[in-house]
PDB file of N, CA and C in Angstrom:
ATOM      1  N   MET A   1     126.753   5.218 126.759  1.00  0.00           N
ATOM      2  CA  MET A   1     126.917   5.718 128.112  1.00  0.00           C
ATOM      3  C   MET A   1     125.746   6.649 128.438  1.00  0.00           C
ATOM      4  N   PRO A   2     125.065   6.436 129.569  1.00  0.00           N
ATOM      5  CA  PRO A   2     123.917   7.281 129.904  1.00  0.00           C
ATOM      6  C   PRO A   2     124.348   8.694 130.287  1.00  0.00           C
ATOM      7  N   LYS A   3     123.470   9.622 130.001  1.00  0.00           N
ATOM      8  CA  LYS A   3     123.722  11.033 130.268  1.00  0.00           C
ATOM      9  C   LYS A   3     123.535  11.291 131.765  1.00  0.00           C
ATOM     10  N   SER A   4     124.474  11.997 132.388  1.00  0.00           N
ATOM     11  CA  SER A   4     124.347  12.335 133.809  1.00  0.00           C
ATOM     12  C   SER A   4     124.346  13.855 133.959  1.00  0.00           C
ATOM     13  N   LEU A   5     123.545  14.336 134.901  1.00  0.00           N
ATOM     14  CA  LEU A   5     123.403  15.764 135.166  1.00  0.00           C
ATOM     15  C   LEU A   5     123.555  16.017 136.654  1.00  0.00           C
ATOM     16  N   ILE A   6     124.061  17.195 137.006  1.00  0.00           N
ATOM     17  CA  ILE A   6     124.221  17.578 138.414  1.00  0.00           C
ATOM     18  C   ILE A   6     123.375  18.815 138.661  1.00  0.00           C
ATOM     19  N   GLY A   7     122.560  18.762 139.727  1.00  0.00           N
ATOM     20  CA  GLY A   7     121.682  19.884 140.035  1.00  0.00           C
ATOM     21  C   GLY A   7     121.257  19.874 141.490  1.00  0.00           C
ATOM     22  N   THR A   8     120.295  20.758 141.812  1.00  0.00           N
ATOM     23  CA  THR A   8     119.804  20.935 143.165  1.00  0.00           C
ATOM     24  C   THR A   8     118.354  20.475 143.257  1.00  0.00           C
ATOM     25  N   VAL A   9     118.031  19.752 144.317  1.00  0.00           N
ATOM     26  CA  VAL A   9     116.669  19.265 144.518  1.00  0.00           C
ATOM     27  C   VAL A   9     115.793  20.439 144.948  1.00  0.00           C
ATOM     28  N   THR A  10     114.715  20.692 144.193  1.00  0.00           N
ATOM     29  CA  THR A  10     113.809  21.783 144.536  1.00  0.00           C
ATOM     30  C   THR A  10     112.523  21.279 145.168  1.00  0.00           C
ATOM     31  N   SER A  11     112.197  20.001 144.986  1.00  0.00           N
ATOM     32  CA  SER A  11     110.986  19.455 145.580  1.00  0.00           C
ATOM     33  C   SER A  11     111.174  17.965 145.842  1.00  0.00           C
ATOM     34  N   ASP A  12     110.710  17.528 147.013  1.00  0.00           N
ATOM     35  CA  ASP A  12     110.732  16.106 147.337  1.00  0.00           C
ATOM     36  C   ASP A  12     109.398  15.681 147.942  1.00  0.00           C
ATOM     37  N   SER A  13     108.322  16.396 147.605  1.00  0.00           N
ATOM     38  CA  SER A  13     107.026  16.149 148.223  1.00  0.00           C
ATOM     39  C   SER A  13     106.340  14.889 147.704  1.00  0.00           C
ATOM     40  N   ARG A  14     106.643  14.473 146.486  1.00  0.00           N
ATOM     41  CA  ARG A  14     106.017  13.264 145.935  1.00  0.00           C
ATOM     42  C   ARG A  14     106.766  12.011 146.377  1.00  0.00           C
ATOM     43  N   ASP A  15     106.065  10.903 146.445  1.00  0.00           N
ATOM     44  CA  ASP A  15     106.665   9.645 146.875  1.00  0.00           C
ATOM     45  C   ASP A  15     107.563   9.087 145.768  1.00  0.00           C
ATOM     46  N   LYS A  16     108.814   8.805 146.107  1.00  0.00           N
ATOM     47  CA  LYS A  16     109.821   8.232 145.208  1.00  0.00           C
ATOM     48  C   LYS A  16     110.117   9.116 143.989  1.00  0.00           C
ATOM     49  N   THR A  17     109.846  10.410 144.093  1.00  0.00           N
ATOM     50  CA  THR A  17     110.098  11.332 142.989  1.00  0.00           C
ATOM     51  C   THR A  17     110.687  12.624 143.535  1.00  0.00           C
ATOM     52  N   ILE A  18     111.719  13.121 142.870  1.00  0.00           N
ATOM     53  CA  ILE A  18     112.293  14.423 143.216  1.00  0.00           C
ATOM     54  C   ILE A  18     112.303  15.290 141.964  1.00  0.00           C
ATOM     55  N   THR A  19     112.265  16.595 142.179  1.00  0.00           N
ATOM     56  CA  THR A  19     112.399  17.550 141.092  1.00  0.00           C
ATOM     57  C   THR A  19     113.765  18.208 141.233  1.00  0.00           C
ATOM     58  N   VAL A  20     114.554  18.155 140.184  1.00  0.00           N
ATOM     59  CA  VAL A  20     115.919  18.671 140.210  1.00  0.00           C
ATOM     60  C   VAL A  20     116.023  19.842 139.244  1.00  0.00           C
ATOM     61  N   SER A  21     116.542  20.984 139.731  1.00  0.00           N
ATOM     62  CA  SER A  21     116.771  22.161 138.889  1.00  0.00           C
ATOM     63  C   SER A  21     118.238  22.214 138.515  1.00  0.00           C
ATOM     64  N   ILE A  22     118.482  22.409 137.227  1.00  0.00           N
ATOM     65  CA  ILE A  22     119.845  22.503 136.720  1.00  0.00           C
ATOM     66  C   ILE A  22     120.014  23.859 136.059  1.00  0.00           C
ATOM     67  N   VAL A  23     120.971  24.637 136.559  1.00  0.00           N
ATOM     68  CA  VAL A  23     121.211  25.986 136.052  1.00  0.00           C
ATOM     69  C   VAL A  23     122.445  25.955 135.169  1.00  0.00           C
ATOM     70  N   SER A  24     122.318  26.497 133.953  1.00  0.00           N
ATOM     71  CA  SER A  24     123.457  26.564 133.044  1.00  0.00           C
ATOM     72  C   SER A  24     123.609  27.991 132.526  1.00  0.00           C
ATOM     73  N   ARG A  25     124.846  28.385 132.285  1.00  0.00           N
ATOM     74  CA  ARG A  25     125.141  29.711 131.736  1.00  0.00           C
ATOM     75  C   ARG A  25     125.334  29.574 130.238  1.00  0.00           C
ATOM     76  N   GLU A  26     124.621  30.402 129.484  1.00  0.00           N
ATOM     77  CA  GLU A  26     124.736  30.364 128.029  1.00  0.00           C
ATOM     78  C   GLU A  26     125.016  31.761 127.508  1.00  0.00           C
ATOM     79  N   THR A  27     125.568  31.831 126.309  1.00  0.00           N
ATOM     80  CA  THR A  27     125.875  33.099 125.670  1.00  0.00           C
ATOM     81  C   THR A  27     124.974  33.256 124.451  1.00  0.00           C
ATOM     82  N   HIS A  28     124.372  34.422 124.330  1.00  0.00           N
ATOM     83  CA  HIS A  28     123.494  34.682 123.182  1.00  0.00           C
ATOM     84  C   HIS A  28     124.344  34.730 121.914  1.00  0.00           C
ATOM     85  N   PRO A  29     123.916  34.083 120.831  1.00  0.00           N
ATOM     86  CA  PRO A  29     124.758  34.001 119.633  1.00  0.00           C
ATOM     87  C   PRO A  29     125.002  35.343 118.945  1.00  0.00           C
ATOM     88  N   ILE A  30     124.058  36.257 119.017  1.00  0.00           N
ATOM     89  CA  ILE A  30     124.217  37.541 118.332  1.00  0.00           C
ATOM     90  C   ILE A  30     124.743  38.623 119.269  1.00  0.00           C
ATOM     91  N   TYR A  31     124.111  38.763 120.449  1.00  0.00           N
ATOM     92  CA  TYR A  31     124.445  39.863 121.358  1.00  0.00           C
ATOM     93  C   TYR A  31     125.612  39.565 122.290  1.00  0.00           C
ATOM     94  N   ARG A  32     126.066  38.313 122.345  1.00  0.00           N
ATOM     95  CA  ARG A  32     127.194  37.908 123.184  1.00  0.00           C
ATOM     96  C   ARG A  32     126.974  38.214 124.667  1.00  0.00           C
ATOM     97  N   LYS A  33     125.735  38.262 125.084  1.00  0.00           N
ATOM     98  CA  LYS A  33     125.387  38.510 126.479  1.00  0.00           C
ATOM     99  C   LYS A  33     125.178  37.155 127.153  1.00  0.00           C
ATOM    100  N   GLN A  34     125.739  36.983 128.345  1.00  0.00           N
ATOM    101  CA  GLN A  34     125.551  35.733 129.062  1.00  0.00           C
ATOM    102  C   GLN A  34     124.281  35.788 129.891  1.00  0.00           C
ATOM    103  N   TYR A  35     123.574  34.667 129.955  1.00  0.00           N
ATOM    104  CA  TYR A  35     122.362  34.580 130.754  1.00  0.00           C
ATOM    105  C   TYR A  35     122.276  33.165 131.331  1.00  0.00           C
ATOM    106  N   SER A  36     121.502  33.025 132.394  1.00  0.00           N
ATOM    107  CA  SER A  36     121.369  31.704 133.004  1.00  0.00           C
ATOM    108  C   SER A  36     120.036  31.094 132.604  1.00  0.00           C
ATOM    109  N   LYS A  37     120.058  29.805 132.346  1.00  0.00           N
ATOM    110  CA  LYS A  37     118.871  29.073 131.943  1.00  0.00           C
ATOM    111  C   LYS A  37     118.665  27.949 132.952  1.00  0.00           C
ATOM    112  N   THR A  38     117.447  27.839 133.478  1.00  0.00           N
ATOM    113  CA  THR A  38     117.122  26.811 134.458  1.00  0.00           C
ATOM    114  C   THR A  38     116.217  25.770 133.817  1.00  0.00           C
ATOM    115  N   ARG A  39     116.593  24.505 133.964  1.00  0.00           N
ATOM    116  CA  ARG A  39     115.787  23.405 133.466  1.00  0.00           C
ATOM    117  C   ARG A  39     115.412  22.525 134.643  1.00  0.00           C
ATOM    118  N   LYS A  40     114.169  22.022 134.632  1.00  0.00           N
ATOM    119  CA  LYS A  40     113.704  21.151 135.701  1.00  0.00           C
ATOM    120  C   LYS A  40     113.509  19.739 135.172  1.00  0.00           C
ATOM    121  N   TYR A  41     113.995  18.774 135.922  1.00  0.00           N
ATOM    122  CA  TYR A  41     113.843  17.374 135.583  1.00  0.00           C
ATOM    123  C   TYR A  41     113.224  16.648 136.768  1.00  0.00           C
ATOM    124  N   THR A  42     112.340  15.701 136.486  1.00  0.00           N
ATOM    125  CA  THR A  42     111.834  14.835 137.539  1.00  0.00           C
ATOM    126  C   THR A  42     112.634  13.539 137.499  1.00  0.00           C
ATOM    127  N   ALA A  43     113.043  13.079 138.663  1.00  0.00           N
ATOM    128  CA  ALA A  43     113.890  11.898 138.748  1.00  0.00           C
ATOM    129  C   ALA A  43     113.312  10.916 139.761  1.00  0.00           C
ATOM    130  N   HIS A  44     113.597   9.641 139.550  1.00  0.00           N
ATOM    131  CA  HIS A  44     113.120   8.567 140.421  1.00  0.00           C
ATOM    132  C   HIS A  44     114.080   8.410 141.593  1.00  0.00           C
ATOM    133  N   ASP A  45     113.533   8.480 142.819  1.00  0.00           N
ATOM    134  CA  ASP A  45     114.313   8.321 144.046  1.00  0.00           C
ATOM    135  C   ASP A  45     113.698   7.151 144.811  1.00  0.00           C
ATOM    136  N   GLU A  46     114.221   5.968 144.605  1.00  0.00           N
ATOM    137  CA  GLU A  46     113.614   4.733 145.122  1.00  0.00           C
ATOM    138  C   GLU A  46     113.470   4.733 146.646  1.00  0.00           C
ATOM    139  N   LYS A  47     114.481   5.200 147.367  1.00  0.00           N
ATOM    140  CA  LYS A  47     114.477   5.114 148.830  1.00  0.00           C
ATOM    141  C   LYS A  47     114.087   6.430 149.512  1.00  0.00           C
ATOM    142  N   ASN A  48     113.667   7.428 148.753  1.00  0.00           N
ATOM    143  CA  ASN A  48     113.334   8.763 149.298  1.00  0.00           C
ATOM    144  C   ASN A  48     114.496   9.326 150.118  1.00  0.00           C
ATOM    145  N   GLU A  49     115.712   9.243 149.586  1.00  0.00           N
ATOM    146  CA  GLU A  49     116.909   9.702 150.284  1.00  0.00           C
ATOM    147  C   GLU A  49     117.130  11.196 150.154  1.00  0.00           C
ATOM    148  N   ALA A  50     116.870  11.766 148.991  1.00  0.00           N
ATOM    149  CA  ALA A  50     117.185  13.170 148.725  1.00  0.00           C
ATOM    150  C   ALA A  50     116.091  14.078 149.273  1.00  0.00           C
ATOM    151  N   HIS A  51     116.520  15.239 149.750  1.00  0.00           N
ATOM    152  CA  HIS A  51     115.594  16.238 150.284  1.00  0.00           C
ATOM    153  C   HIS A  51     115.877  17.585 149.645  1.00  0.00           C
ATOM    154  N   THR A  52     114.974  18.520 149.858  1.00  0.00           N
ATOM    155  CA  THR A  52     115.089  19.845 149.260  1.00  0.00           C
ATOM    156  C   THR A  52     116.410  20.504 149.668  1.00  0.00           C
ATOM    157  N   GLY A  53     117.126  21.048 148.684  1.00  0.00           N
ATOM    158  CA  GLY A  53     118.390  21.728 148.929  1.00  0.00           C
ATOM    159  C   GLY A  53     119.611  20.866 148.703  1.00  0.00           C
ATOM    160  N   ASP A  54     119.438  19.558 148.543  1.00  0.00           N
ATOM    161  CA  ASP A  54     120.579  18.667 148.315  1.00  0.00           C
ATOM    162  C   ASP A  54     121.105  18.826 146.893  1.00  0.00           C
ATOM    163  N   ARG A  55     122.409  18.688 146.753  1.00  0.00           N
ATOM    164  CA  ARG A  55     123.041  18.694 145.430  1.00  0.00           C
ATOM    165  C   ARG A  55     123.205  17.238 145.016  1.00  0.00           C
ATOM    166  N   VAL A  56     122.602  16.870 143.870  1.00  0.00           N
ATOM    167  CA  VAL A  56     122.549  15.464 143.475  1.00  0.00           C
ATOM    168  C   VAL A  56     123.013  15.272 142.034  1.00  0.00           C
ATOM    169  N   GLU A  57     123.318  14.014 141.715  1.00  0.00           N
ATOM    170  CA  GLU A  57     123.617  13.621 140.344  1.00  0.00           C
ATOM    171  C   GLU A  57     122.507  12.678 139.897  1.00  0.00           C
ATOM    172  N   ILE A  58     121.917  12.970 138.741  1.00  0.00           N
ATOM    173  CA  ILE A  58     120.883  12.108 138.184  1.00  0.00           C
ATOM    174  C   ILE A  58     121.386  11.531 136.866  1.00  0.00           C
ATOM    175  N   VAL A  59     120.932  10.309 136.560  1.00  0.00           N
ATOM    176  CA  VAL A  59     121.396   9.584 135.380  1.00  0.00           C
ATOM    177  C   VAL A  59     120.190   9.212 134.539  1.00  0.00           C
ATOM    178  N   GLU A  60     120.357   9.323 133.220  1.00  0.00           N
ATOM    179  CA  GLU A  60     119.295   8.976 132.284  1.00  0.00           C
ATOM    180  C   GLU A  60     119.025   7.469 132.339  1.00  0.00           C
ATOM    181  N   CYS A  61     117.741   7.100 132.257  1.00  0.00           N
ATOM    182  CA  CYS A  61     117.358   5.690 132.272  1.00  0.00           C
ATOM    183  C   CYS A  61     116.122   5.503 131.385  1.00  0.00           C
ATOM    184  N   ARG A  62     115.572   4.316 131.391  1.00  0.00           N
ATOM    185  CA  ARG A  62     114.358   4.069 130.616  1.00  0.00           C
ATOM    186  C   ARG A  62     113.218   4.902 131.195  1.00  0.00           C
ATOM    187  N   PRO A  63     112.212   5.246 130.426  1.00  0.00           N
ATOM    188  CA  PRO A  63     111.090   6.019 130.970  1.00  0.00           C
ATOM    189  C   PRO A  63     110.356   5.235 132.061  1.00  0.00           C
ATOM    190  N   ILE A  64     110.259   5.847 133.239  1.00  0.00           N
ATOM    191  CA  ILE A  64     109.587   5.216 134.372  1.00  0.00           C
ATOM    192  C   ILE A  64     108.121   5.631 134.403  1.00  0.00           C
ATOM    193  N   SER A  65     107.853   6.859 134.013  1.00  0.00           N
ATOM    194  CA  SER A  65     106.480   7.350 133.917  1.00  0.00           C
ATOM    195  C   SER A  65     106.431   8.368 132.780  1.00  0.00           C
ATOM    196  N   LYS A  66     105.346   9.109 132.708  1.00  0.00           N
ATOM    197  CA  LYS A  66     105.197  10.092 131.629  1.00  0.00           C
ATOM    198  C   LYS A  66     106.289  11.154 131.685  1.00  0.00           C
ATOM    199  N   THR A  67     106.679  11.592 132.881  1.00  0.00           N
ATOM    200  CA  THR A  67     107.653  12.683 133.011  1.00  0.00           C
ATOM    201  C   THR A  67     109.015  12.229 133.527  1.00  0.00           C
ATOM    202  N   LYS A  68     109.123  11.034 134.091  1.00  0.00           N
ATOM    203  CA  LYS A  68     110.383  10.585 134.695  1.00  0.00           C
ATOM    204  C   LYS A  68     111.198   9.729 133.737  1.00  0.00           C
ATOM    205  N   SER A  69     112.357  10.251 133.341  1.00  0.00           N
ATOM    206  CA  SER A  69     113.301   9.494 132.518  1.00  0.00           C
ATOM    207  C   SER A  69     114.693   9.520 133.128  1.00  0.00           C
ATOM    208  N   TYR A  70     114.797   9.946 134.377  1.00  0.00           N
ATOM    209  CA  TYR A  70     116.068  10.000 135.094  1.00  0.00           C
ATOM    210  C   TYR A  70     115.891   9.324 136.443  1.00  0.00           C
ATOM    211  N   LYS A  71     116.991   8.817 136.991  1.00  0.00           N
ATOM    212  CA  LYS A  71     116.959   8.272 138.343  1.00  0.00           C
ATOM    213  C   LYS A  71     118.125   8.847 139.138  1.00  0.00           C
ATOM    214  N   LEU A  72     117.963   8.863 140.450  1.00  0.00           N
ATOM    215  CA  LEU A  72     118.981   9.407 141.344  1.00  0.00           C
ATOM    216  C   LEU A  72     120.191   8.478 141.348  1.00  0.00           C
ATOM    217  N   SER A  73     121.360   9.055 141.056  1.00  0.00           N
ATOM    218  CA  SER A  73     122.590   8.278 141.050  1.00  0.00           C
ATOM    219  C   SER A  73     123.275   8.370 142.413  1.00  0.00           C
ATOM    220  N   GLN A  74     123.518   9.616 142.860  1.00  0.00           N
ATOM    221  CA  GLN A  74     124.152   9.817 144.156  1.00  0.00           C
ATOM    222  C   GLN A  74     123.872  11.207 144.680  1.00  0.00           C
ATOM    223  N   ILE A  75     123.971  11.344 145.989  1.00  0.00           N
ATOM    224  CA  ILE A  75     123.832  12.650 146.642  1.00  0.00           C
ATOM    225  C   ILE A  75     125.242  13.176 146.862  1.00  0.00           C
ATOM    226  N   LEU A  76     125.556  14.306 146.231  1.00  0.00           N
ATOM    227  CA  LEU A  76     126.901  14.859 146.322  1.00  0.00           C
ATOM    228  C   LEU A  76     127.093  15.696 147.583  1.00  0.00           C
ATOM    229  N   GLU A  77     126.056  16.462 147.962  1.00  0.00           N
ATOM    230  CA  GLU A  77     126.177  17.363 149.110  1.00  0.00           C
ATOM    231  C   GLU A  77     124.801  17.542 149.727  1.00  0.00           C
ATOM    232  N   ARG A  78     124.733  17.421 151.033  1.00  0.00           N
ATOM    233  CA  ARG A  78     123.465  17.611 151.736  1.00  0.00           C
ATOM    234  C   ARG A  78     123.147  19.094 151.850  1.00  0.00           C
ATOM    235  N   GLY A  79     121.856  19.426 151.839  1.00  0.00           N
ATOM    236  CA  GLY A  79     121.421  20.814 151.970  1.00  0.00           C
ATOM    237  C   GLY A  79     121.612  21.313 153.384  1.00  0.00           C
ATOM    238  N   GLN A  80     121.536  22.628 153.547  1.00  0.00           N
ATOM    239  CA  GLN A  80     121.744  23.248 154.845  1.00  0.00           C
ATOM    240  C   GLN A  80     120.495  23.219 155.716  1.00  0.00           C
ATOM    241  N   GLY A  81     119.356  22.816 155.157  1.00  0.00           N
ATOM    242  CA  GLY A  81     118.114  22.775 155.915  1.00  0.00           C
ATOM    243  C   GLY A  81     117.273  23.999 155.637  1.00  0.00           C
ATOM    244  N   THR A  82     116.128  24.067 156.294  1.00  0.00           N
ATOM    245  CA  THR A  82     115.217  25.175 156.094  1.00  0.00           C
ATOM    246  C   THR A  82     115.158  26.028 157.342  1.00  0.00           C
ATOM    247  N   VAL A  83     114.718  27.254 157.174  1.00  0.00           N
ATOM    248  CA  VAL A  83     114.594  28.190 158.281  1.00  0.00           C
ATOM    249  C   VAL A  83     113.117  28.454 158.509  1.00  0.00           C
ATOM    250  N   GLU A  84     112.671  28.280 159.749  1.00  0.00           N
ATOM    251  CA  GLU A  84     111.282  28.542 160.088  1.00  0.00           C
ATOM    252  C   GLU A  84     111.197  29.868 160.813  1.00  0.00           C
ATOM    253  N   LEU A  85     110.259  30.716 160.399  1.00  0.00           N
ATOM    254  CA  LEU A  85     110.080  32.018 161.022  1.00  0.00           C
ATOM    255  C   LEU A  85     109.097  31.906 162.172  1.00  0.00           C
ATOM    256  N   LEU A  86     109.400  32.616 163.250  1.00  0.00           N
ATOM    257  CA  LEU A  86     108.512  32.630 164.405  1.00  0.00           C
ATOM    258  C   LEU A  86     107.520  33.766 164.263  1.00  0.00           C
ATOM    259  N   GLU A  87     106.258  33.503 164.557  1.00  0.00           N
ATOM    260  CA  GLU A  87     105.230  34.535 164.429  1.00  0.00           C
ATOM    261  C   GLU A  87     105.137  35.409 165.668  1.00  0.00           C
ATOM    262  N   ASP A  88     105.619  34.924 166.838  1.00  0.00           N
ATOM    263  CA  ASP A  88     105.478  35.653 168.094  1.00  0.00           C
ATOM    264  C   ASP A  88     106.438  36.833 168.211  1.00  0.00           C
ATOM    265  N   VAL A  89     107.514  36.839 167.462  1.00  0.00           N
ATOM    266  CA  VAL A  89     108.510  37.906 167.568  1.00  0.00           C
ATOM    267  C   VAL A  89     107.980  39.151 166.877  1.00  0.00           C
ATOM    268  N   THR A  90     107.771  40.211 167.671  1.00  0.00           N
ATOM    269  CA  THR A  90     107.249  41.453 167.107  1.00  0.00           C
ATOM    270  C   THR A  90     108.229  42.605 167.250  1.00  0.00           C
ATOM    271  N   GLU A  91     109.134  42.528 168.228  1.00  0.00           N
ATOM    272  CA  GLU A  91     110.093  43.609 168.440  1.00  0.00           C
ATOM    273  C   GLU A  91     111.493  43.125 168.109  1.00  0.00           C
ATOM    274  N   VAL A  92     112.284  44.040 167.603  1.00  0.00           N
ATOM    275  CA  VAL A  92     113.666  43.739 167.274  1.00  0.00           C
ATOM    276  C   VAL A  92     114.545  44.574 168.188  1.00  0.00           C
ATOM    277  N   GLU A  93     115.552  43.950 168.781  1.00  0.00           N
ATOM    278  CA  GLU A  93     116.451  44.683 169.670  1.00  0.00           C
ATOM    279  C   GLU A  93     117.379  45.556 168.841  1.00  0.00           C
ATOM    280  N   ILE A  94     117.417  46.851 169.189  1.00  0.00           N
ATOM    281  CA  ILE A  94     118.276  47.803 168.507  1.00  0.00           C
ATOM    282  C   ILE A  94     119.335  48.253 169.505  1.00  0.00           C
ATOM    283  N   PRO A  95     120.599  48.218 169.125  1.00  0.00           N
ATOM    284  CA  PRO A  95     121.647  48.649 170.053  1.00  0.00           C
ATOM    285  C   PRO A  95     121.446  50.103 170.476  1.00  0.00           C
ATOM    286  N   GLU A  96     122.046  50.457 171.631  1.00  0.00           N
ATOM    287  CA  GLU A  96     121.911  51.809 172.183  1.00  0.00           C
ATOM    288  C   GLU A  96     122.370  52.867 171.182  1.00  0.00           C
ATOM    289  N   LYS A  97     123.568  52.696 170.666  1.00  0.00           N
ATOM    290  CA  LYS A  97     124.105  53.660 169.716  1.00  0.00           C
ATOM    291  C   LYS A  97     124.462  52.917 168.433  1.00  0.00           C
ATOM    292  N   ILE A  98     123.739  53.213 167.393  1.00  0.00           N
ATOM    293  CA  ILE A  98     123.986  52.561 166.109  1.00  0.00           C
ATOM    294  C   ILE A  98     125.132  53.273 165.417  1.00  0.00           C
ATOM    295  N   GLY A  99     126.153  52.528 165.059  1.00  0.00           N
ATOM    296  CA  GLY A  99     127.274  53.086 164.321  1.00  0.00           C
ATOM    297  C   GLY A  99     128.098  54.071 165.130  1.00  0.00           C
ATOM    298  N   ALA A 100     128.130  53.942 166.444  1.00  0.00           N
ATOM    299  CA  ALA A 100     128.864  54.890 167.278  1.00  0.00           C
ATOM    300  C   ALA A 100     130.365  54.843 167.008  1.00  0.00           C
ATOM    301  N   ASP A 101     130.883  53.668 166.658  1.00  0.00           N
ATOM    302  CA  ASP A 101     132.320  53.561 166.423  1.00  0.00           C
ATOM    303  C   ASP A 101     132.736  54.123 165.068  1.00  0.00           C
ATOM    304  N   LYS A 102     131.827  54.179 164.096  1.00  0.00           N
ATOM    305  CA  LYS A 102     132.182  54.664 162.767  1.00  0.00           C
ATOM    306  C   LYS A 102     131.751  56.111 162.543  1.00  0.00           C
ATOM    307  N   LYS A 103     130.478  56.384 162.787  1.00  0.00           N
ATOM    308  CA  LYS A 103     129.944  57.713 162.523  1.00  0.00           C
ATOM    309  C   LYS A 103     129.210  58.226 163.761  1.00  0.00           C
ATOM    310  N   PRO A 104     129.856  59.047 164.563  1.00  0.00           N
ATOM    311  CA  PRO A 104     129.204  59.532 165.777  1.00  0.00           C
ATOM    312  C   PRO A 104     127.997  60.433 165.473  1.00  0.00           C
ATOM    313  N   ASN A 105     128.004  61.117 164.334  1.00  0.00           N
ATOM    314  CA  ASN A 105     126.876  61.987 163.994  1.00  0.00           C
ATOM    315  C   ASN A 105     125.601  61.178 163.775  1.00  0.00           C
ATOM    316  N   THR A 106     125.716  59.998 163.223  1.00  0.00           N
ATOM    317  CA  THR A 106     124.553  59.149 162.975  1.00  0.00           C
ATOM    318  C   THR A 106     123.900  58.746 164.289  1.00  0.00           C
ATOM    319  N   ALA A 107     124.719  58.422 165.288  1.00  0.00           N
ATOM    320  CA  ALA A 107     124.183  58.013 166.583  1.00  0.00           C
ATOM    321  C   ALA A 107     123.420  59.173 167.226  1.00  0.00           C
ATOM    322  N   LYS A 108     123.939  60.398 167.087  1.00  0.00           N
ATOM    323  CA  LYS A 108     123.259  61.561 167.663  1.00  0.00           C
ATOM    324  C   LYS A 108     121.923  61.803 166.974  1.00  0.00           C
ATOM    325  N   LYS A 109     121.886  61.630 165.658  1.00  0.00           N
ATOM    326  CA  LYS A 109     120.645  61.822 164.923  1.00  0.00           C
ATOM    327  C   LYS A 109     119.602  60.806 165.356  1.00  0.00           C
ATOM    328  N   VAL A 110     120.026  59.565 165.607  1.00  0.00           N
ATOM    329  CA  VAL A 110     119.095  58.528 166.040  1.00  0.00           C
ATOM    330  C   VAL A 110     118.531  58.871 167.408  1.00  0.00           C
ATOM    331  N   GLU A 111     119.409  59.357 168.318  1.00  0.00           N
ATOM    332  CA  GLU A 111     118.959  59.735 169.654  1.00  0.00           C
ATOM    333  C   GLU A 111     117.978  60.902 169.583  1.00  0.00           C
ATOM    334  N   LYS A 112     118.245  61.882 168.731  1.00  0.00           N
ATOM    335  CA  LYS A 112     117.346  63.023 168.582  1.00  0.00           C
ATOM    336  C   LYS A 112     116.002  62.580 168.028  1.00  0.00           C
ATOM    337  N   ALA A 113     116.018  61.662 167.072  1.00  0.00           N
ATOM    338  CA  ALA A 113     114.773  61.172 166.484  1.00  0.00           C
ATOM    339  C   ALA A 113     113.949  60.409 167.517  1.00  0.00           C
ATOM    340  N   GLU A 114     114.605  59.648 168.391  1.00  0.00           N
ATOM    341  CA  GLU A 114     113.899  58.918 169.433  1.00  0.00           C
ATOM    342  C   GLU A 114     113.268  59.888 170.448  1.00  0.00           C
ATOM    343  N   LYS A 115     114.014  60.937 170.807  1.00  0.00           N
ATOM    344  CA  LYS A 115     113.488  61.915 171.765  1.00  0.00           C
ATOM    345  C   LYS A 115     112.292  62.659 171.190  1.00  0.00           C
ATOM    346  N   SER A 116     112.376  63.030 169.906  1.00  0.00           N
ATOM    347  CA  SER A 116     111.273  63.772 169.289  1.00  0.00           C
ATOM    348  C   SER A 116     110.030  62.885 169.160  1.00  0.00           C
ATOM    349  N   SER A 117     110.199  61.601 168.903  1.00  0.00           N
ATOM    350  CA  SER A 117     109.059  60.706 168.795  1.00  0.00           C
ATOM    351  C   SER A 117     108.403  60.486 170.159  1.00  0.00           C
ATOM    352  N   GLU A 118     109.207  60.498 171.244  1.00  0.00           N
ATOM    353  CA  GLU A 118     108.653  60.369 172.591  1.00  0.00           C
ATOM    354  C   GLU A 118     107.868  61.615 172.986  1.00  0.00           C
ATOM    355  N   GLU A 119     108.354  62.797 172.582  1.00  0.00           N
ATOM    356  CA  GLU A 119     107.665  64.051 172.908  1.00  0.00           C
ATOM    357  C   GLU A 119     106.330  64.152 172.199  1.00  0.00           C
ATOM    358  N   GLU A 120     106.245  63.648 170.975  1.00  0.00           N
ATOM    359  CA  GLU A 120     105.007  63.720 170.221  1.00  0.00           C
ATOM    360  C   GLU A 120     103.910  62.864 170.835  1.00  0.00           C
ATOM    361  N   GLU A 121     104.286  61.775 171.444  1.00  0.00           N
ATOM    362  CA  GLU A 121     103.289  60.879 172.065  1.00  0.00           C
ATOM    363  C   GLU A 121     102.825  61.478 173.326  1.00  0.00           C
TER     364      GLU A 121
END
């Protein structure tokens, strides 16, 4: 029976190839401290179906190339996508009174700091 692994796609930039990261928790034999170990596998993706962030299952197969000995079996969960940052945004909107409902003293300090900064200019 071929070995199957479940992991997350970290790269899909190459044609018909994905890089899958598999994180496992292990316990040190002497210190009994748990730590996480990440292993990367390259897998064959014939139809270029998987994308970065997808949770996939890969299955062991014959060596396809020097580094590829696994192929994509199935996509278990699609990734949430990527977030692109805008370069034009320079100001952030700050509410009038920060924390007015929880700590009224904090809001007063913020107002005083704003007034003092305006006077200095």
